[in-house]
C-alpha atoms as a PDB file:
ATOM      1  CA  MET A   1       1.732  47.609 -17.512  1.00  0.00           C
ATOM      2  CA  THR A   2       4.459  50.195 -17.951  1.00  0.00           C
ATOM      3  CA  GLU A   3       7.612  50.409 -15.870  1.00  0.00           C
ATOM      4  CA  ALA A   4       6.491  53.694 -14.288  1.00  0.00           C
ATOM      5  CA  THR A   5       3.173  52.179 -13.189  1.00  0.00           C
ATOM      6  CA  PHE A   6       4.974  49.191 -11.687  1.00  0.00           C
ATOM      7  CA  GLU A   7       7.308  51.430  -9.666  1.00  0.00           C
ATOM      8  CA  GLU A   8       4.380  53.495  -8.381  1.00  0.00           C
ATOM      9  CA  ARG A   9       2.542  50.384  -7.223  1.00  0.00           C
ATOM     10  CA  LEU A  10       5.727  49.086  -5.584  1.00  0.00           C
ATOM     11  CA  GLU A  11       6.180  52.323  -3.689  1.00  0.00           C
ATOM     12  CA  ALA A  12       2.546  52.206  -2.611  1.00  0.00           C
ATOM     13  CA  PHE A  13       2.958  48.642  -1.322  1.00  0.00           C
ATOM     14  CA  GLU A  14       6.125  49.624   0.553  1.00  0.00           C
ATOM     15  CA  ALA A  15       4.312  52.561   2.163  1.00  0.00           C
ATOM     16  CA  ARG A  16       1.449  50.299   3.222  1.00  0.00           C
ATOM     17  CA  LEU A  17       3.951  47.749   4.583  1.00  0.00           C
ATOM     18  CA  ILE A  18       5.686  50.415   6.680  1.00  0.00           C
ATOM     19  CA  LYS A  19       2.341  51.639   7.998  1.00  0.00           C
ATOM     20  CA  THR A  20       1.255  48.083   8.818  1.00  0.00           C
ATOM     21  CA  GLU A  21       4.508  47.355  10.678  1.00  0.00           C
ATOM     22  CA  ARG A  22       4.120  50.578  12.661  1.00  0.00           C
ATOM     23  CA  GLU A  23       0.570  49.662  13.608  1.00  0.00           C
ATOM     24  CA  ARG A  24       1.731  46.124  14.536  1.00  0.00           C
ATOM     25  CA  ASP A  25       4.377  47.567  16.868  1.00  0.00           C
ATOM     26  CA  GLU A  26       1.794  49.818  18.483  1.00  0.00           C
ATOM     27  CA  TYR A  27      -0.532  46.858  19.035  1.00  0.00           C
ATOM     28  CA  LYS A  28       2.344  44.903  20.615  1.00  0.00           C
ATOM     29  CA  LYS A  29       3.031  47.744  23.036  1.00  0.00           C
ATOM     30  CA  LEU A  30      -0.666  47.959  23.835  1.00  0.00           C
ATOM     31  CA  ALA A  31      -0.910  44.189  24.418  1.00  0.00           C
ATOM     32  CA  LEU A  32       2.099  44.230  26.780  1.00  0.00           C
ATOM     33  CA  LEU A  33       0.651  47.202  28.654  1.00  0.00           C
ATOM     34  CA  LEU A  34      -2.724  45.531  29.066  1.00  0.00           C
ATOM     35  CA  GLN A  35      -1.072  42.261  30.135  1.00  0.00           C
ATOM     36  CA  GLU A  36       0.859  44.090  32.835  1.00  0.00           C
ATOM     37  CA  GLN A  37      -2.308  45.806  34.054  1.00  0.00           C
ATOM     38  CA  VAL A  38      -4.166  42.484  34.170  1.00  0.00           C
ATOM     39  CA  GLU A  39      -1.406  40.816  36.175  1.00  0.00           C
ATOM     40  CA  ARG A  40      -1.340  43.697  38.635  1.00  0.00           C
ATOM     41  CA  LEU A  41      -5.106  43.526  39.025  1.00  0.00           C
ATOM     42  CA  LYS A  42      -4.869  39.778  39.726  1.00  0.00           C
ATOM     43  CA  VAL A  43      -2.573  40.302  42.717  1.00  0.00           C
ATOM     44  CA  GLY A  44      -4.505  43.333  43.961  1.00  0.00           C
ATOM     45  CA  LEU A  45      -1.950  45.987  42.970  1.00  0.00           C
ATOM     46  CA  LEU A  46      -4.209  48.716  41.676  1.00  0.00           C
ATOM     47  CA  GLY A  47      -1.485  51.350  41.784  1.00  0.00           C
ATOM     48  CA  GLN A  48      -2.079  55.066  42.025  1.00  0.00           C
ATOM     49  CA  LYS A  49      -5.317  56.712  41.096  1.00  0.00           C
ATOM     50  CA  ALA A  50      -3.869  57.946  37.818  1.00  0.00           C
ATOM     51  CA  GLU A  51      -3.156  54.333  36.793  1.00  0.00           C
ATOM     52  CA  ARG A  52      -6.677  53.048  37.353  1.00  0.00           C
ATOM     53  CA  LEU A  53      -9.078  52.413  34.506  1.00  0.00           C
ATOM     54  CA  PRO A  54     -11.527  55.226  33.751  1.00  0.00           C
ATOM     55  CA  LYS A  55     -15.106  54.850  34.830  1.00  0.00           C
ATOM     56  CA  ASN A  56     -16.374  55.438  31.286  1.00  0.00           C
ATOM     57  CA  ASP A  57     -15.541  52.491  29.016  1.00  0.00           C
ATOM     58  CA  ALA A  58     -16.019  54.661  25.927  1.00  0.00           C
ATOM     59  CA  GLN A  59     -13.045  56.804  26.961  1.00  0.00           C
ATOM     60  CA  LEU A  60     -10.889  53.686  27.201  1.00  0.00           C
ATOM     61  CA  SER A  61     -11.993  52.473  23.757  1.00  0.00           C
ATOM     62  CA  LEU A  62     -11.239  55.846  22.165  1.00  0.00           C
ATOM     63  CA  ALA A  63      -7.829  55.933  23.816  1.00  0.00           C
ATOM     64  CA  ILE A  64      -7.011  52.470  22.438  1.00  0.00           C
ATOM     65  CA  LEU A  65      -8.120  53.460  18.940  1.00  0.00           C
ATOM     66  CA  ASN A  66      -6.099  56.658  19.167  1.00  0.00           C
ATOM     67  CA  LEU A  67      -3.006  54.669  20.073  1.00  0.00           C
ATOM     68  CA  ALA A  68      -3.550  52.095  17.322  1.00  0.00           C
ATOM     69  CA  LEU A  69      -4.101  54.735  14.613  1.00  0.00           C
ATOM     70  CA  GLY A  70      -0.861  56.555  15.346  1.00  0.00           C
ATOM     71  CA  ASN A  71      -2.196  59.091  17.910  1.00  0.00           C
ATOM     72  CA  GLU A  72      -4.443  60.768  15.357  1.00  0.00           C
ATOM     73  CA  ALA A  73      -6.790  63.380  16.693  1.00  0.00           C
ATOM     74  CA  LEU A  74     -10.110  61.930  17.806  1.00  0.00           C
ATOM     75  CA  THR A  75     -12.968  63.808  19.326  1.00  0.00           C
ATOM     76  CA  THR A  76     -13.456  62.690  22.911  1.00  0.00           C
ATOM     77  CA  THR A  77     -15.906  63.678  25.548  1.00  0.00           C
ATOM     78  CA  PRO A  78     -14.152  65.415  28.446  1.00  0.00           C
ATOM     79  CA  ALA A  79     -14.268  63.437  31.660  1.00  0.00           C
ATOM     80  CA  GLU A  80     -16.254  64.751  34.574  1.00  0.00           C
ATOM     81  CA  PRO A  81     -14.057  66.430  37.199  1.00  0.00           C
ATOM     82  CA  GLU A  82     -13.838  64.518  40.451  1.00  0.00           C
ATOM     83  CA  PRO A  83     -15.089  66.226  43.605  1.00  0.00           C
ATOM     84  CA  GLU A  84     -12.459  67.893  45.758  1.00  0.00           C
ATOM     85  CA  GLN A  85     -12.281  68.440  49.478  1.00  0.00           C
ATOM     86  CA  THR A  86     -10.353  70.892  51.614  1.00  0.00           C
ATOM     87  CA  VAL A  87      -7.875  69.384  54.070  1.00  0.00           C
ATOM     88  CA  PRO A  88      -7.173  71.471  57.181  1.00  0.00           C
ATOM     89  CA  ALA A  89      -3.573  72.532  57.680  1.00  0.00           C
ATOM     90  CA  HIS A  90      -1.577  70.718  60.332  1.00  0.00           C
ATOM     91  CA  THR A  91       1.930  70.718  61.756  1.00  0.00           C
ATOM     92  CA  ARG A  92       4.318  67.787  61.761  1.00  0.00           C
ATOM     93  CA  ARG A  93       7.382  67.255  63.880  1.00  0.00           C
ATOM     94  CA  LYS A  94      10.578  67.491  61.893  1.00  0.00           C
ATOM     95  CA  ALA A  95      12.416  64.200  61.568  1.00  0.00           C
ATOM     96  CA  VAL A  96      15.681  64.146  63.494  1.00  0.00           C
ATOM     97  CA  ARG A  97      18.380  61.542  62.908  1.00  0.00           C
ATOM     98  CA  LYS A  98      19.102  59.538  66.027  1.00  0.00           C
ATOM     99  CA  PRO A  99      22.716  59.640  67.212  1.00  0.00           C
ATOM    100  CA  LEU A 100      24.759  56.484  67.054  1.00  0.00           C
ATOM    101  CA  PRO A 101      25.101  54.616  70.381  1.00  0.00           C
ATOM    102  CA  ASP A 102      28.100  55.528  72.517  1.00  0.00           C
ATOM    103  CA  THR A 103      28.755  51.847  73.157  1.00  0.00           C
ATOM    104  CA  LEU A 104      29.949  51.291  69.593  1.00  0.00           C
ATOM    105  CA  PRO A 105      33.713  51.487  69.123  1.00  0.00           C
ATOM    106  CA  ARG A 106      34.986  54.571  67.311  1.00  0.00           C
ATOM    107  CA  VAL A 107      37.771  54.749  64.727  1.00  0.00           C
ATOM    108  CA  ALA A 108      39.216  58.209  64.059  1.00  0.00           C
ATOM    109  CA  ILE A 109      40.230  59.110  60.500  1.00  0.00           C
ATOM    110  CA  GLU A 110      41.741  62.517  59.720  1.00  0.00           C
ATOM    111  CA  ILE A 111      41.560  63.866  56.174  1.00  0.00           C
ATOM    112  CA  LEU A 112      43.861  66.798  55.307  1.00  0.00           C
ATOM    113  CA  PRO A 113      43.552  69.153  52.316  1.00  0.00           C
ATOM    114  CA  PRO A 114      45.933  68.434  49.428  1.00  0.00           C
ATOM    115  CA  GLU A 115      47.798  71.733  50.020  1.00  0.00           C
ATOM    116  CA  VAL A 116      48.502  70.811  53.630  1.00  0.00           C
ATOM    117  CA  GLN A 117      49.719  67.368  52.599  1.00  0.00           C
ATOM    118  CA  VAL A 118      52.157  68.896  50.123  1.00  0.00           C
ATOM    119  CA  GLU A 119      53.544  71.817  52.187  1.00  0.00           C
ATOM    120  CA  GLY A 120      53.309  70.199  55.633  1.00  0.00           C
ATOM    121  CA  LEU A 121      51.551  71.110  58.878  1.00  0.00           C
ATOM    122  CA  ASP A 122      54.204  73.650  59.879  1.00  0.00           C
ATOM    123  CA  ALA A 123      53.064  76.041  57.129  1.00  0.00           C
ATOM    124  CA  PHE A 124      49.453  76.203  58.298  1.00  0.00           C
ATOM    125  CA  GLU A 125      47.488  76.983  61.446  1.00  0.00           C
ATOM    126  CA  LEU A 126      44.550  74.808  62.526  1.00  0.00           C
ATOM    127  CA  VAL A 127      41.421  76.966  63.016  1.00  0.00           C
ATOM    128  CA  GLY A 128      38.743  74.278  63.364  1.00  0.00           C
ATOM    129  CA  ALA A 129      37.446  70.902  62.275  1.00  0.00           C
ATOM    130  CA  ASP A 130      34.203  69.293  61.135  1.00  0.00           C
ATOM    131  CA  THR A 131      33.477  65.751  62.298  1.00  0.00           C
ATOM    132  CA  ARG A 132      31.007  63.447  60.602  1.00  0.00           C
ATOM    133  CA  GLU A 133      30.189  59.959  61.840  1.00  0.00           C
ATOM    134  CA  VAL A 134      29.617  57.191  59.299  1.00  0.00           C
ATOM    135  CA  LEU A 135      28.357  53.766  60.339  1.00  0.00           C
ATOM    136  CA  GLU A 136      30.478  50.913  59.004  1.00  0.00           C
ATOM    137  CA  ARG A 137      30.707  47.208  59.705  1.00  0.00           C
ATOM    138  CA  ARG A 138      33.747  45.003  60.113  1.00  0.00           C
ATOM    139  CA  PRO A 139      33.391  41.662  58.331  1.00  0.00           C
ATOM    140  CA  ALA A 140      32.880  38.725  60.639  1.00  0.00           C
ATOM    141  CA  SER A 141      35.672  36.188  60.737  1.00  0.00           C
ATOM    142  CA  CYS A 142      36.516  32.896  62.378  1.00  0.00           C
ATOM    143  CA  VAL A 143      39.710  32.660  64.413  1.00  0.00           C
ATOM    144  CA  VAL A 144      41.808  29.565  65.034  1.00  0.00           C
ATOM    145  CA  VAL A 145      43.019  29.542  68.643  1.00  0.00           C
ATOM    146  CA  ALA A 146      46.198  27.484  69.053  1.00  0.00           C
ATOM    147  CA  ILE A 147      46.420  26.237  72.660  1.00  0.00           C
ATOM    148  CA  THR A 148      49.932  25.141  73.588  1.00  0.00           C
ATOM    149  CA  TYR A 149      50.505  23.103  76.739  1.00  0.00           C
ATOM    150  CA  LYS A 150      54.134  23.521  77.725  1.00  0.00           C
ATOM    151  CA  LYS A 151      55.823  20.847  79.773  1.00  0.00           C
ATOM    152  CA  PHE A 152      58.393  21.529  82.500  1.00  0.00           C
ATOM    153  CA  VAL A 153      60.747  19.572  84.714  1.00  0.00           C
ATOM    154  CA  ARG A 154      62.612  20.837  87.749  1.00  0.00           C
ATOM    155  CA  LYS A 155      66.205  21.884  87.283  1.00  0.00           C
ATOM    156  CA  ASP A 156      67.245  20.487  90.680  1.00  0.00           C
ATOM    157  CA  ARG A 157      65.791  17.058  90.004  1.00  0.00           C
ATOM    158  CA  GLU A 158      67.799  13.984  90.876  1.00  0.00           C
ATOM    159  CA  ARG A 159      69.385  12.355  87.928  1.00  0.00           C
ATOM    160  CA  GLY A 160      68.687   8.708  87.267  1.00  0.00           C
ATOM    161  CA  THR A 161      65.308   8.702  89.065  1.00  0.00           C
ATOM    162  CA  ALA A 162      61.729   9.090  87.916  1.00  0.00           C
ATOM    163  CA  THR A 163      61.224  12.622  86.650  1.00  0.00           C
ATOM    164  CA  GLU A 164      57.993  14.509  87.284  1.00  0.00           C
ATOM    165  CA  VAL A 165      56.797  16.384  84.199  1.00  0.00           C
ATOM    166  CA  LEU A 166      54.568  19.370  84.959  1.00  0.00           C
ATOM    167  CA  CYS A 167      51.874  20.321  82.437  1.00  0.00           C
ATOM    168  CA  ALA A 168      48.751  22.450  82.761  1.00  0.00           C
ATOM    169  CA  PRO A 169      45.423  20.583  82.635  1.00  0.00           C
ATOM    170  CA  ALA A 170      43.555  20.613  79.352  1.00  0.00           C
ATOM    171  CA  ALA A 171      41.119  23.449  78.821  1.00  0.00           C
ATOM    172  CA  GLU A 172      37.503  22.437  79.331  1.00  0.00           C
ATOM    173  CA  LEU A 173      35.396  22.569  76.182  1.00  0.00           C
ATOM    174  CA  PRO A 174      31.633  22.124  75.710  1.00  0.00           C
ATOM    175  CA  ILE A 175      32.332  19.121  73.476  1.00  0.00           C
ATOM    176  CA  GLU A 176      35.158  16.946  74.772  1.00  0.00           C
ATOM    177  CA  ARG A 177      37.973  16.686  72.224  1.00  0.00           C
ATOM    178  CA  GLY A 178      35.808  18.780  69.899  1.00  0.00           C
ATOM    179  CA  LEU A 179      36.983  21.162  67.226  1.00  0.00           C
ATOM    180  CA  ALA A 180      34.619  24.057  68.022  1.00  0.00           C
ATOM    181  CA  GLY A 181      35.013  26.347  71.007  1.00  0.00           C
ATOM    182  CA  PRO A 182      32.266  27.947  73.122  1.00  0.00           C
ATOM    183  CA  SER A 183      31.988  31.091  70.989  1.00  0.00           C
ATOM    184  CA  MET A 184      31.694  29.154  67.745  1.00  0.00           C
ATOM    185  CA  LEU A 185      29.043  26.834  69.180  1.00  0.00           C
ATOM    186  CA  ALA A 186      27.084  29.740  70.656  1.00  0.00           C
ATOM    187  CA  ASP A 187      27.160  31.585  67.321  1.00  0.00           C
ATOM    188  CA  SER A 188      25.819  28.572  65.419  1.00  0.00           C
ATOM    189  CA  ILE A 189      23.068  27.969  68.002  1.00  0.00           C
ATOM    190  CA  VAL A 190      21.902  31.596  68.025  1.00  0.00           C
ATOM    191  CA  ARG A 191      21.874  31.786  64.248  1.00  0.00           C
ATOM    192  CA  ARG A 192      19.954  28.541  63.908  1.00  0.00           C
ATOM    193  CA  TRP A 193      17.279  28.802  66.608  1.00  0.00           C
ATOM    194  CA  GLN A 194      17.115  32.502  67.426  1.00  0.00           C
ATOM    195  CA  ASP A 195      17.516  33.797  63.857  1.00  0.00           C
ATOM    196  CA  ASN A 196      15.756  30.753  62.303  1.00  0.00           C
ATOM    197  CA  GLN A 197      18.541  30.041  59.823  1.00  0.00           C
ATOM    198  CA  PRO A 198      18.443  26.500  58.382  1.00  0.00           C
ATOM    199  CA  LEU A 199      21.578  24.389  58.233  1.00  0.00           C
ATOM    200  CA  THR A 200      21.954  24.791  54.473  1.00  0.00           C
ATOM    201  CA  ARG A 201      21.958  28.578  54.855  1.00  0.00           C
ATOM    202  CA  LEU A 202      24.424  28.418  57.745  1.00  0.00           C
ATOM    203  CA  GLU A 203      26.708  26.344  55.560  1.00  0.00           C
ATOM    204  CA  ASP A 204      26.690  29.105  52.920  1.00  0.00           C
ATOM    205  CA  ILE A 205      27.200  31.841  55.535  1.00  0.00           C
ATOM    206  CA  TYR A 206      30.280  30.187  57.009  1.00  0.00           C
ATOM    207  CA  ARG A 207      31.613  29.503  53.513  1.00  0.00           C
ATOM    208  CA  ARG A 208      31.561  33.244  52.828  1.00  0.00           C
ATOM    209  CA  GLU A 209      33.722  33.613  55.934  1.00  0.00           C
ATOM    210  CA  GLN A 210      36.329  31.285  54.397  1.00  0.00           C
ATOM    211  CA  LEU A 211      35.236  28.326  56.541  1.00  0.00           C
ATOM    212  CA  ASP A 212      34.207  25.158  54.757  1.00  0.00           C
ATOM    213  CA  LEU A 213      31.867  23.731  57.387  1.00  0.00           C
ATOM    214  CA  ALA A 214      29.440  20.976  56.395  1.00  0.00           C
ATOM    215  CA  LYS A 215      25.879  21.027  57.686  1.00  0.00           C
ATOM    216  CA  SER A 216      26.322  17.482  58.960  1.00  0.00           C
ATOM    217  CA  THR A 217      29.092  18.762  61.240  1.00  0.00           C
ATOM    218  CA  LEU A 218      26.835  21.520  62.586  1.00  0.00           C
ATOM    219  CA  CYS A 219      24.083  18.980  63.149  1.00  0.00           C
ATOM    220  CA  THR A 220      26.459  16.719  65.105  1.00  0.00           C
ATOM    221  CA  TRP A 221      27.649  19.610  67.265  1.00  0.00           C
ATOM    222  CA  HIS A 222      24.112  20.589  68.212  1.00  0.00           C
ATOM    223  CA  GLU A 223      23.213  16.977  68.917  1.00  0.00           C
ATOM    224  CA  GLN A 224      26.159  16.642  71.307  1.00  0.00           C
ATOM    225  CA  LEU A 225      25.172  19.884  73.078  1.00  0.00           C
ATOM    226  CA  ALA A 226      21.697  18.559  73.916  1.00  0.00           C
ATOM    227  CA  ASP A 227      22.809  17.148  77.299  1.00  0.00           C
ATOM    228  CA  LEU A 228      24.418  20.453  78.282  1.00  0.00           C
ATOM    229  CA  ALA A 229      21.267  22.388  77.382  1.00  0.00           C
ATOM    230  CA  ARG A 230      18.926  20.002  79.235  1.00  0.00           C
ATOM    231  CA  PRO A 231      19.046  21.745  82.693  1.00  0.00           C
ATOM    232  CA  LEU A 232      18.483  25.164  81.127  1.00  0.00           C
ATOM    233  CA  VAL A 233      15.595  23.963  78.981  1.00  0.00           C
ATOM    234  CA  GLU A 234      13.957  22.189  81.919  1.00  0.00           C
ATOM    235  CA  ALA A 235      14.148  25.408  83.926  1.00  0.00           C
ATOM    236  CA  MET A 236      12.569  27.292  81.026  1.00  0.00           C
ATOM    237  CA  PHE A 237       9.743  24.736  80.845  1.00  0.00           C
ATOM    238  CA  GLU A 238       9.120  24.990  84.581  1.00  0.00           C
ATOM    239  CA  ASP A 239       8.927  28.763  84.314  1.00  0.00           C
ATOM    240  CA  ALA A 240       6.559  28.559  81.323  1.00  0.00           C
ATOM    241  CA  TYR A 241       4.265  26.031  83.007  1.00  0.00           C
ATOM    242  CA  ARG A 242       3.462  28.559  85.740  1.00  0.00           C
ATOM    243  CA  GLU A 243       1.486  30.587  83.193  1.00  0.00           C
ATOM    244  CA  PRO A 244      -2.225  29.902  82.534  1.00  0.00           C
ATOM    245  CA  TYR A 245      -1.641  28.990  78.873  1.00  0.00           C
ATOM    246  CA  LEU A 246       1.163  28.469  76.358  1.00  0.00           C
ATOM    247  CA  CYS A 247       1.561  29.740  72.789  1.00  0.00           C
ATOM    248  CA  VAL A 248       3.508  27.193  70.746  1.00  0.00           C
ATOM    249  CA  THR A 249       4.360  26.348  67.152  1.00  0.00           C
ATOM    250  CA  HIS A 250       5.441  23.011  65.730  1.00  0.00           C
ATOM    251  CA  CYS A 251       8.567  24.394  64.055  1.00  0.00           C
ATOM    252  CA  PRO A 252      10.558  27.651  64.221  1.00  0.00           C
ATOM    253  CA  CYS A 253      10.459  27.852  60.416  1.00  0.00           C
ATOM    254  CA  ALA A 254       6.678  27.468  60.215  1.00  0.00           C
ATOM    255  CA  SER A 255       4.230  30.268  59.705  1.00  0.00           C
ATOM    256  CA  ARG A 256       3.087  32.000  62.873  1.00  0.00           C
ATOM    257  CA  ALA A 257      -0.167  33.273  61.389  1.00  0.00           C
ATOM    258  CA  VAL A 258      -2.228  30.950  63.627  1.00  0.00           C
ATOM    259  CA  THR A 259      -0.778  30.131  67.039  1.00  0.00           C
ATOM    260  CA  PRO A 260      -2.644  27.438  69.012  1.00  0.00           C
ATOM    261  CA  ARG A 261      -3.204  27.852  72.697  1.00  0.00           C
ATOM    262  CA  VAL A 262      -2.952  24.789  74.886  1.00  0.00           C
ATOM    263  CA  GLN A 263      -3.176  24.196  78.595  1.00  0.00           C
ATOM    264  CA  PRO A 264       0.089  23.543  80.461  1.00  0.00           C
ATOM    265  CA  SER A 265      -1.105  20.081  81.385  1.00  0.00           C
ATOM    266  CA  THR A 266      -1.532  19.147  77.720  1.00  0.00           C
ATOM    267  CA  ILE A 267       1.133  16.792  76.381  1.00  0.00           C
ATOM    268  CA  LEU A 268       2.507  17.943  73.059  1.00  0.00           C
ATOM    269  CA  SER A 269       2.941  14.728  71.122  1.00  0.00           C
ATOM    270  CA  THR A 270       3.502  16.351  67.722  1.00  0.00           C
ATOM    271  CA  PRO A 271       7.019  15.449  66.517  1.00  0.00           C
ATOM    272  CA  LEU A 272       9.378  18.244  65.572  1.00  0.00           C
ATOM    273  CA  ALA A 273       9.513  17.871  61.787  1.00  0.00           C
ATOM    274  CA  CYS A 274      11.453  20.370  59.790  1.00  0.00           C
ATOM    275  CA  SER A 275      12.981  19.999  56.360  1.00  0.00           C
ATOM    276  CA  CYS A 276      15.989  22.118  57.308  1.00  0.00           C
ATOM    277  CA  SER A 277      17.084  20.151  60.390  1.00  0.00           C
ATOM    278  CA  ARG A 278      15.255  16.881  60.941  1.00  0.00           C
ATOM    279  CA  LYS A 279      18.094  15.046  62.678  1.00  0.00           C
ATOM    280  CA  THR A 280      18.929  17.704  65.246  1.00  0.00           C
ATOM    281  CA  ASN A 281      15.319  18.604  65.972  1.00  0.00           C
ATOM    282  CA  ALA A 282      14.653  14.975  66.854  1.00  0.00           C
ATOM    283  CA  ALA A 283      17.717  14.892  69.082  1.00  0.00           C
ATOM    284  CA  MET A 284      16.783  18.135  70.818  1.00  0.00           C
ATOM    285  CA  ALA A 285      13.200  16.924  71.251  1.00  0.00           C
ATOM    286  CA  THR A 286      14.379  13.790  73.075  1.00  0.00           C
ATOM    287  CA  SER A 287      16.469  15.944  75.375  1.00  0.00           C
ATOM    288  CA  GLY A 288      13.603  18.314  76.140  1.00  0.00           C
ATOM    289  CA  CYS A 289      14.928  21.166  74.026  1.00  0.00           C
END
């Protein structure tokens, strides 16, 4: 075998290797595409009509072969045109952006042109203005309220006798000698039972507001508020029992796909079990909440 023949065979092998690698890459793309289509079909996502498989399996086979062979020209049978229908013309109301509520506080910001900022307002005359409202949100924050009870004594008091010290009575709090005020307790209750936020999520929310508040602390607060909420909850039960039937669920975090209907006279003996707040749910259940 001569050197020239060896080089020619080597070049031929390299050309075949490049062609094989190109075909391998095309097969990989095809396999990934088919895998994606299969997964979408499993979950019922058929996509648009253009993404659906053709009715004729032969067309699909030819398309796969065309892709594998480097998009070489293959004779294919044209697909049958789908029937069309005429849709009558109709009118649609133009969408209009709703104005922002007047109850929201407004903050005015004036933006001046650069020329006016440099030369001053005295060199120009105001001929008009365009106002655009943009909805923004102020970040929520917790506030520490320092309550100071000042003590006083009378100036005309008799010296050498018992002195009366005057001091305002302590402010009444929902939890006696507690750390949280009414607004803080109300916020945690609304977020937990109205917004269905578990204690672990509330702990993360308050941490983003620069407040390191443990979920055990929140659970203790809600447990201590059970006695205060008892009269309100009893009134709510009395109002609900006047209806012919009740719609209830065993947990606010549970699925509401199927809601049982029970008679008001039926005793609900199912315990309130929830992975996000077992301790407090049991405490609120014993208090009628």
